[in-house]
Amino acid sequence: MPDIAVYPGSFDPITNGHLDLIQRGLKIFDHIIVSVATNRFKQSLFSIEERMEMVRISLQDTPNVTIDTFNGLLVEYAKQQNARAILRGLRAVTDFEYEFQLAMMNRRLDPEIETVFLMTGLRWVFLSSSILKEAAVHGGNIEGMVPEIVYQKLRKKFGFA
């Protein structure tokens, strides 16, 4: 049975930091399910369909990756996918407290599902989808920080096409 991890996130939009984490995660796990989350408490710039499309295109040449979507309890979703782990990235100390709380809640809900943290690659430590969108909306040059499909969609969304 393959060693499967779920990498959840809003991916609004997916960045090169996310892609770096997936590539590094594939050195640990046989298969990663990139799960685009729907979050009713979060206002997304892109629809779930647009985010799924950008993730799918960005990872089209990456073997052993499945793109999916989910809502509800992450540990229940992971169990349904036969995953043994949840993959999460940490950029800075500020990420740790929130991610630690989530990991402990998930462990309480299902102790069989582990959370595996990978530090973000130094090249991407500053990058988040929120910061990226803030720069893009004001016309900042975000080229090279996101896959080409995301770059083009952000340019179009903010009228820089």
C-alpha atoms as a PDB file:
ATOM      1  CA  MET A   1       0.000   0.000   0.000  1.00  0.00           C
ATOM      2  CA  PRO A   2       1.504   3.389  -0.967  1.00  0.00           C
ATOM      3  CA  ASP A   3       2.515   5.879   1.679  1.00  0.00           C
ATOM      4  CA  ILE A   4       0.012   8.728   1.137  1.00  0.00           C
ATOM      5  CA  ALA A   5      -0.064  12.259   2.556  1.00  0.00           C
ATOM      6  CA  VAL A   6      -2.739  14.905   2.168  1.00  0.00           C
ATOM      7  CA  TYR A   7      -1.490  18.452   1.572  1.00  0.00           C
ATOM      8  CA  PRO A   8      -4.485  20.693   2.313  1.00  0.00           C
ATOM      9  CA  GLY A   9      -4.794  24.392   1.671  1.00  0.00           C
ATOM     10  CA  SER A  10      -6.887  27.089   0.110  1.00  0.00           C
ATOM     11  CA  PHE A  11      -4.276  27.565  -2.641  1.00  0.00           C
ATOM     12  CA  ASP A  12      -5.771  30.982  -3.434  1.00  0.00           C
ATOM     13  CA  PRO A  13      -3.593  30.968  -5.480  1.00  0.00           C
ATOM     14  CA  ILE A  14      -0.956  28.243  -5.493  1.00  0.00           C
ATOM     15  CA  THR A  15       2.580  29.657  -5.283  1.00  0.00           C
ATOM     16  CA  ASN A  16       6.052  28.397  -6.038  1.00  0.00           C
ATOM     17  CA  GLY A  17       6.448  27.920  -2.289  1.00  0.00           C
ATOM     18  CA  HIS A  18       3.573  25.409  -2.356  1.00  0.00           C
ATOM     19  CA  LEU A  19       5.131  23.637  -5.335  1.00  0.00           C
ATOM     20  CA  ASP A  20       8.496  23.452  -3.566  1.00  0.00           C
ATOM     21  CA  LEU A  21       6.850  21.850  -0.536  1.00  0.00           C
ATOM     22  CA  ILE A  22       5.069  19.289  -2.733  1.00  0.00           C
ATOM     23  CA  GLN A  23       8.324  18.341  -4.504  1.00  0.00           C
ATOM     24  CA  ARG A  24      10.096  17.911  -1.188  1.00  0.00           C
ATOM     25  CA  GLY A  25       7.139  16.005   0.265  1.00  0.00           C
ATOM     26  CA  LEU A  26       7.391  13.515  -2.599  1.00  0.00           C
ATOM     27  CA  LYS A  27      10.837  12.566  -1.300  1.00  0.00           C
ATOM     28  CA  ILE A  28       9.121  11.375   1.887  1.00  0.00           C
ATOM     29  CA  PHE A  29       5.780  10.044   0.646  1.00  0.00           C
ATOM     30  CA  ASP A  30       4.923   7.811  -2.313  1.00  0.00           C
ATOM     31  CA  HIS A  31       1.879   9.910  -3.167  1.00  0.00           C
ATOM     32  CA  ILE A  32       0.533  13.338  -2.207  1.00  0.00           C
ATOM     33  CA  ILE A  33      -3.077  14.404  -2.528  1.00  0.00           C
ATOM     34  CA  VAL A  34      -3.189  18.177  -2.944  1.00  0.00           C
ATOM     35  CA  SER A  35      -6.562  19.012  -1.423  1.00  0.00           C
ATOM     36  CA  VAL A  36      -8.011  22.395  -2.257  1.00  0.00           C
ATOM     37  CA  ALA A  37     -10.131  23.335   0.722  1.00  0.00           C
ATOM     38  CA  THR A  38     -13.396  25.177   0.683  1.00  0.00           C
ATOM     39  CA  ASN A  39     -13.588  27.435   3.712  1.00  0.00           C
ATOM     40  CA  ARG A  40     -16.846  29.221   4.385  1.00  0.00           C
ATOM     41  CA  PHE A  41     -15.062  31.585   6.790  1.00  0.00           C
ATOM     42  CA  LYS A  42     -12.574  32.785   4.191  1.00  0.00           C
ATOM     43  CA  GLN A  43     -13.285  35.034   1.206  1.00  0.00           C
ATOM     44  CA  SER A  44     -11.410  33.639  -1.801  1.00  0.00           C
ATOM     45  CA  LEU A  45     -10.167  35.637  -4.756  1.00  0.00           C
ATOM     46  CA  PHE A  46     -10.583  32.645  -7.064  1.00  0.00           C
ATOM     47  CA  SER A  47     -13.445  30.168  -7.183  1.00  0.00           C
ATOM     48  CA  ILE A  48     -12.843  26.566  -6.173  1.00  0.00           C
ATOM     49  CA  GLU A  49     -12.956  25.618  -9.870  1.00  0.00           C
ATOM     50  CA  GLU A  50     -10.333  28.237 -10.783  1.00  0.00           C
ATOM     51  CA  ARG A  51      -8.063  27.163  -7.921  1.00  0.00           C
ATOM     52  CA  MET A  52      -8.406  23.494  -8.883  1.00  0.00           C
ATOM     53  CA  GLU A  53      -7.544  24.343 -12.492  1.00  0.00           C
ATOM     54  CA  MET A  54      -4.458  26.348 -11.511  1.00  0.00           C
ATOM     55  CA  VAL A  55      -3.238  23.583  -9.198  1.00  0.00           C
ATOM     56  CA  ARG A  56      -3.899  20.916 -11.828  1.00  0.00           C
ATOM     57  CA  ILE A  57      -2.018  22.806 -14.561  1.00  0.00           C
ATOM     58  CA  SER A  58       0.839  23.704 -12.199  1.00  0.00           C
ATOM     59  CA  LEU A  59       1.324  20.041 -11.268  1.00  0.00           C
ATOM     60  CA  GLN A  60       0.492  18.388 -14.592  1.00  0.00           C
ATOM     61  CA  ASP A  61       4.036  17.081 -15.013  1.00  0.00           C
ATOM     62  CA  THR A  62       4.434  15.945 -11.404  1.00  0.00           C
ATOM     63  CA  PRO A  63       3.952  12.216 -10.962  1.00  0.00           C
ATOM     64  CA  ASN A  64       2.404  10.716  -7.843  1.00  0.00           C
ATOM     65  CA  VAL A  65       0.192  13.734  -7.149  1.00  0.00           C
ATOM     66  CA  THR A  66      -3.592  13.818  -7.167  1.00  0.00           C
ATOM     67  CA  ILE A  67      -5.620  17.030  -7.079  1.00  0.00           C
ATOM     68  CA  ASP A  68      -8.858  16.976  -5.118  1.00  0.00           C
ATOM     69  CA  THR A  69     -11.148  19.202  -3.103  1.00  0.00           C
ATOM     70  CA  PHE A  70     -12.770  18.753   0.258  1.00  0.00           C
ATOM     71  CA  ASN A  71     -14.745  20.424   2.993  1.00  0.00           C
ATOM     72  CA  GLY A  72     -15.385  19.204   6.482  1.00  0.00           C
ATOM     73  CA  LEU A  73     -12.979  17.573   8.895  1.00  0.00           C
ATOM     74  CA  LEU A  74      -9.513  17.120   7.434  1.00  0.00           C
ATOM     75  CA  VAL A  75      -8.776  13.955   9.426  1.00  0.00           C
ATOM     76  CA  GLU A  76     -11.975  12.339   8.135  1.00  0.00           C
ATOM     77  CA  TYR A  77     -11.017  13.261   4.592  1.00  0.00           C
ATOM     78  CA  ALA A  78      -7.473  11.913   5.118  1.00  0.00           C
ATOM     79  CA  LYS A  79      -8.867   8.641   6.442  1.00  0.00           C
ATOM     80  CA  GLN A  80     -11.198   8.317   3.422  1.00  0.00           C
ATOM     81  CA  GLN A  81      -8.152   8.787   1.168  1.00  0.00           C
ATOM     82  CA  ASN A  82      -6.144   6.113   3.051  1.00  0.00           C
ATOM     83  CA  ALA A  83      -3.574   8.759   3.947  1.00  0.00           C
ATOM     84  CA  ARG A  84      -1.402   8.259   6.990  1.00  0.00           C
ATOM     85  CA  ALA A  85      -0.256  11.872   7.209  1.00  0.00           C
ATOM     86  CA  ILE A  86      -1.184  15.493   6.712  1.00  0.00           C
ATOM     87  CA  LEU A  87       1.611  17.548   5.152  1.00  0.00           C
ATOM     88  CA  ARG A  88       1.963  21.154   6.276  1.00  0.00           C
ATOM     89  CA  GLY A  89       4.517  23.879   5.616  1.00  0.00           C
ATOM     90  CA  LEU A  90       5.973  26.276   8.162  1.00  0.00           C
ATOM     91  CA  ARG A  91       7.350  29.622   7.027  1.00  0.00           C
ATOM     92  CA  ALA A  92       8.093  31.313  10.330  1.00  0.00           C
ATOM     93  CA  VAL A  93       7.469  31.169  14.046  1.00  0.00           C
ATOM     94  CA  THR A  94       4.147  32.930  13.493  1.00  0.00           C
ATOM     95  CA  ASP A  95       2.908  29.905  11.517  1.00  0.00           C
ATOM     96  CA  PHE A  96       3.924  27.482  14.235  1.00  0.00           C
ATOM     97  CA  GLU A  97       1.372  28.370  16.918  1.00  0.00           C
ATOM     98  CA  TYR A  98      -1.622  28.075  14.587  1.00  0.00           C
ATOM     99  CA  GLU A  99      -0.313  24.933  12.879  1.00  0.00           C
ATOM    100  CA  PHE A 100       0.515  23.349  16.249  1.00  0.00           C
ATOM    101  CA  GLN A 101      -3.053  23.921  17.451  1.00  0.00           C
ATOM    102  CA  LEU A 102      -4.458  22.365  14.277  1.00  0.00           C
ATOM    103  CA  ALA A 103      -2.126  19.379  14.539  1.00  0.00           C
ATOM    104  CA  MET A 104      -3.081  18.769  18.166  1.00  0.00           C
ATOM    105  CA  MET A 105      -6.801  19.003  17.364  1.00  0.00           C
ATOM    106  CA  ASN A 106      -6.370  16.619  14.445  1.00  0.00           C
ATOM    107  CA  ARG A 107      -4.425  14.213  16.653  1.00  0.00           C
ATOM    108  CA  ARG A 108      -7.212  14.375  19.245  1.00  0.00           C
ATOM    109  CA  LEU A 109      -9.812  13.668  16.555  1.00  0.00           C
ATOM    110  CA  ASP A 110      -7.833  10.813  15.014  1.00  0.00           C
ATOM    111  CA  PRO A 111      -4.540   9.714  16.595  1.00  0.00           C
ATOM    112  CA  GLU A 112      -3.790   7.451  13.602  1.00  0.00           C
ATOM    113  CA  ILE A 113      -3.256  10.421  11.263  1.00  0.00           C
ATOM    114  CA  GLU A 114       0.115  12.133  11.770  1.00  0.00           C
ATOM    115  CA  THR A 115       0.939  15.721  10.864  1.00  0.00           C
ATOM    116  CA  VAL A 116       4.301  16.193   9.155  1.00  0.00           C
ATOM    117  CA  PHE A 117       5.767  19.691   9.042  1.00  0.00           C
ATOM    118  CA  LEU A 118       8.320  20.785   6.468  1.00  0.00           C
ATOM    119  CA  MET A 119      10.084  24.095   6.717  1.00  0.00           C
ATOM    120  CA  THR A 120       9.524  26.281   3.699  1.00  0.00           C
ATOM    121  CA  GLY A 121      12.529  26.548   1.428  1.00  0.00           C
ATOM    122  CA  LEU A 122      14.565  29.693   2.192  1.00  0.00           C
ATOM    123  CA  ARG A 123      13.838  31.048  -1.258  1.00  0.00           C
ATOM    124  CA  TRP A 124      10.097  31.184  -0.430  1.00  0.00           C
ATOM    125  CA  VAL A 125      10.084  31.923   3.311  1.00  0.00           C
ATOM    126  CA  PHE A 126       8.503  35.370   2.796  1.00  0.00           C
ATOM    127  CA  LEU A 127       5.825  34.201   0.370  1.00  0.00           C
ATOM    128  CA  SER A 128       2.170  33.630   1.154  1.00  0.00           C
ATOM    129  CA  SER A 129      -0.886  33.738  -1.073  1.00  0.00           C
ATOM    130  CA  SER A 130      -2.140  36.789   0.868  1.00  0.00           C
ATOM    131  CA  ILE A 131       1.076  38.768   0.454  1.00  0.00           C
ATOM    132  CA  LEU A 132       1.251  37.754  -3.183  1.00  0.00           C
ATOM    133  CA  LYS A 133      -2.308  38.981  -3.871  1.00  0.00           C
ATOM    134  CA  GLU A 134      -1.556  42.255  -2.074  1.00  0.00           C
ATOM    135  CA  ALA A 135       1.452  42.867  -4.320  1.00  0.00           C
ATOM    136  CA  ALA A 136      -0.452  41.834  -7.456  1.00  0.00           C
ATOM    137  CA  VAL A 137      -3.464  44.068  -6.823  1.00  0.00           C
ATOM    138  CA  HIS A 138      -1.107  47.062  -6.709  1.00  0.00           C
ATOM    139  CA  GLY A 139       0.729  46.050  -9.879  1.00  0.00           C
ATOM    140  CA  GLY A 140       3.802  44.585  -8.182  1.00  0.00           C
ATOM    141  CA  ASN A 141       5.974  42.246 -10.207  1.00  0.00           C
ATOM    142  CA  ILE A 142       5.148  38.738  -8.943  1.00  0.00           C
ATOM    143  CA  GLU A 143       6.632  36.938 -11.917  1.00  0.00           C
ATOM    144  CA  GLY A 144       8.727  33.980 -10.810  1.00  0.00           C
ATOM    145  CA  MET A 145       6.858  33.620  -7.513  1.00  0.00           C
ATOM    146  CA  VAL A 146       3.954  31.691  -9.005  1.00  0.00           C
ATOM    147  CA  PRO A 147       3.421  29.225 -11.836  1.00  0.00           C
ATOM    148  CA  GLU A 148       2.815  30.879 -15.217  1.00  0.00           C
ATOM    149  CA  ILE A 149      -0.921  30.018 -15.202  1.00  0.00           C
ATOM    150  CA  VAL A 150      -1.330  31.823 -11.877  1.00  0.00           C
ATOM    151  CA  TYR A 151       0.681  34.810 -13.071  1.00  0.00           C
ATOM    152  CA  GLN A 152      -1.558  35.187 -16.122  1.00  0.00           C
ATOM    153  CA  LYS A 153      -4.786  34.764 -14.132  1.00  0.00           C
ATOM    154  CA  LEU A 154      -3.706  37.345 -11.555  1.00  0.00           C
ATOM    155  CA  ARG A 155      -2.771  39.819 -14.300  1.00  0.00           C
ATOM    156  CA  LYS A 156      -6.184  39.331 -15.890  1.00  0.00           C
ATOM    157  CA  LYS A 157      -8.052  39.488 -12.566  1.00  0.00           C
ATOM    158  CA  PHE A 158      -6.409  42.772 -11.617  1.00  0.00           C
ATOM    159  CA  GLY A 159      -6.508  44.327 -15.078  1.00  0.00           C
ATOM    160  CA  PHE A 160      -2.819  44.162 -15.955  1.00  0.00           C
ATOM    161  CA  ALA A 161      -3.268  41.769 -18.898  1.00  0.00           C
END
